[in-house]
Protein backbone atom coordinates (compact mmCIF):
# COMPACT_ATOMS: atom_id res chain seq x y z
CA MET A 1 147.57 369.30 148.15
CA LYS A 2 150.17 370.92 145.87
CA VAL A 3 152.36 367.81 145.97
CA PHE A 4 149.34 365.61 145.16
CA PHE A 5 148.31 367.70 142.15
CA ASN A 6 151.88 368.12 140.90
CA GLN A 7 152.23 364.34 140.95
CA LEU A 8 148.93 363.78 139.12
CA PHE A 9 149.76 366.36 136.48
CA ASP A 10 153.22 364.88 136.04
CA TYR A 11 151.55 361.50 135.43
CA ASN A 12 149.15 363.15 132.99
CA PHE A 13 152.09 364.78 131.20
CA TYR A 14 153.87 361.42 130.96
CA CYS A 15 150.81 359.63 129.54
CA ASN A 16 150.01 362.27 126.98
CA LYS A 17 153.65 362.47 125.93
CA GLN A 18 153.71 358.70 125.40
CA LEU A 19 150.62 358.92 123.18
CA ILE A 20 151.99 361.88 121.24
CA GLU A 21 155.23 359.99 120.57
CA ALA A 22 153.35 356.86 119.51
CA CYS A 23 151.03 358.75 117.16
CA THR A 24 153.84 360.84 115.70
CA SER A 25 155.59 357.64 114.65
CA MET A 26 152.47 356.16 112.98
CA GLU A 27 151.79 356.40 109.29
CA ASN A 28 148.05 356.61 109.87
CA VAL A 29 146.59 357.59 113.23
CA PRO A 30 142.97 356.42 113.51
CA GLU A 31 140.66 359.38 112.99
CA LYS A 32 138.69 358.68 116.18
CA SER A 33 141.94 358.70 118.17
CA LYS A 34 142.86 362.09 116.66
CA GLU A 35 139.45 363.45 117.66
CA LEU A 36 139.68 362.04 121.20
CA PHE A 37 143.22 363.24 121.85
CA SER A 38 142.43 366.68 120.44
CA HIS A 39 139.46 366.79 122.81
CA ILE A 40 141.73 365.89 125.75
CA LEU A 41 144.01 368.79 124.83
CA ASN A 42 141.12 371.20 124.27
CA ALA A 43 139.34 370.33 127.51
CA HIS A 44 142.56 370.71 129.50
CA HIS A 45 143.14 374.07 127.85
CA ARG A 46 139.57 375.19 128.50
CA TRP A 47 139.68 374.22 132.21
CA ASN A 48 142.97 376.07 132.58
CA ALA A 49 141.21 379.08 131.06
CA VAL A 50 138.44 378.83 133.66
CA LEU A 51 141.02 378.61 136.44
CA THR A 52 142.95 381.63 135.14
CA THR A 53 139.85 383.58 134.01
CA LYS A 54 141.20 383.78 130.45
CA LYS A 55 139.30 383.32 127.22
CA PRO A 56 139.95 379.85 125.73
CA GLU A 57 141.55 379.64 122.30
CA TYR A 58 140.17 376.21 121.36
CA GLU A 59 136.70 374.79 120.99
CA SER A 60 135.92 371.58 122.89
CA PHE A 61 135.86 369.35 119.82
CA GLN A 62 138.32 371.19 117.58
CA VAL A 63 140.62 368.67 115.88
CA HIS A 64 144.36 369.41 115.81
CA GLU A 65 147.06 368.01 113.56
CA VAL A 66 149.20 365.39 115.31
CA GLY A 67 152.25 367.60 114.73
CA ASP A 68 150.66 370.36 116.85
CA TRP A 69 149.80 368.15 119.82
CA GLY A 70 153.16 368.48 121.58
CA ASP A 71 153.11 372.27 121.76
CA ILE A 72 149.50 372.41 122.96
CA HIS A 73 150.19 369.68 125.52
CA TYR A 74 153.30 371.41 126.85
CA GLU A 75 151.47 374.73 127.23
CA ASN A 76 148.55 373.02 129.01
CA GLN A 77 150.91 371.39 131.48
CA ARG A 78 152.92 374.57 132.05
CA SER A 79 149.73 376.47 132.76
CA SER A 80 148.40 373.78 135.13
CA PHE A 81 151.65 373.67 137.11
CA GLU A 82 151.53 377.46 137.38
CA ILE A 83 147.93 377.29 138.63
CA ILE A 84 148.88 374.69 141.24
CA THR A 85 151.92 376.70 142.36
CA ASN A 86 149.92 379.91 142.73
CA THR A 87 146.88 378.40 144.46
CA ASP A 88 146.68 378.96 148.20
CA ASP A 89 143.13 377.66 148.69
CA PHE A 90 142.15 374.57 146.69
CA GLU A 91 138.69 374.71 148.31
CA LYS A 92 138.01 378.12 146.76
CA ARG A 93 134.89 378.04 144.59
CA LEU A 94 134.89 379.58 141.13
CA ASP A 95 131.91 380.46 138.94
CA TYR A 96 132.14 379.56 135.26
CA GLU A 97 130.05 378.83 132.20
CA ASN A 98 130.27 375.48 130.48
CA SER A 99 130.53 375.12 126.70
CA GLU A 100 126.71 375.36 126.49
CA GLY A 101 126.62 378.64 128.42
CA ARG A 102 125.22 377.18 131.67
CA LEU A 103 126.53 378.66 134.93
CA PHE A 104 128.22 376.37 137.49
CA THR A 105 130.38 376.70 140.61
CA ASN A 106 133.07 374.22 141.64
CA THR A 107 136.19 374.19 143.77
CA ILE A 108 139.64 374.58 142.26
CA GLN A 109 140.54 371.07 143.44
CA ASP A 110 137.45 369.64 141.73
CA MET A 111 138.38 371.32 138.46
CA LEU A 112 142.01 370.19 138.63
CA PHE A 113 141.02 366.62 139.45
CA HIS A 114 138.48 366.69 136.62
CA ILE A 115 141.22 367.53 134.11
CA ILE A 116 143.13 364.39 135.14
CA ASN A 117 140.07 362.13 135.32
CA HIS A 118 138.70 363.38 132.01
CA SER A 119 142.05 362.80 130.30
CA THR A 120 142.33 359.27 131.72
CA HIS A 121 138.81 358.44 130.55
CA HIS A 122 139.50 359.49 126.97
CA ARG A 123 142.94 357.84 126.89
CA GLY A 124 141.08 354.61 127.70
CA GLN A 125 138.84 355.23 124.70
CA ILE A 126 141.92 355.81 122.56
CA ALA A 127 143.34 352.47 123.74
CA MET A 128 140.11 350.77 122.66
CA ASN A 129 140.24 352.58 119.31
CA PHE A 130 143.84 351.45 118.83
CA ARG A 131 142.84 347.83 119.48
CA ALA A 132 139.91 348.10 117.06
CA SER A 133 142.40 349.41 114.49
CA ASP A 134 144.87 346.54 115.13
CA ILE A 135 147.32 348.85 116.91
CA GLU A 136 148.84 347.81 120.23
CA PRO A 137 147.77 350.38 122.86
CA VAL A 138 150.41 352.34 124.73
CA PRO A 139 150.69 351.04 128.34
CA LEU A 140 149.65 354.02 130.48
CA ASP A 141 148.70 352.51 133.85
CA TYR A 142 149.65 354.69 136.80
CA ILE A 143 151.68 351.90 138.38
CA ASN A 144 153.83 351.64 135.24
CA TYR A 145 154.53 355.34 135.50
CA LYS A 146 155.55 354.97 139.17
CA ARG A 147 157.93 352.03 138.52
């Protein structure tokens, strides 16, 4: 399970890094793309906080400057790799409150997979926003990463 999650998070790191590099080189990043990528970073950070029982620093929809994305992304990944390394039971269930204060319980593996799936979903929305803004989307398919 550790190998599987390390590979998924490495892919996630690669994709986000590609988007950060692309946006850093743009004169004008579409506002919706800034909001979506900030949300990706914030959600990843917030799930890491659940998994480490720490208080999150960012709100779910807090918008970050493009120049800050790299540091937040790196810290998210570092924390996720640490969580994976230190987890002995991926089936362990953890209680947590969502951003609306509702109580839920999920397994560690469900939470880790959600981070990846959630990020992929919103990167797809960013690709659509790029196209709508006449910007060629960054190719982020998993198979391209594996080649």
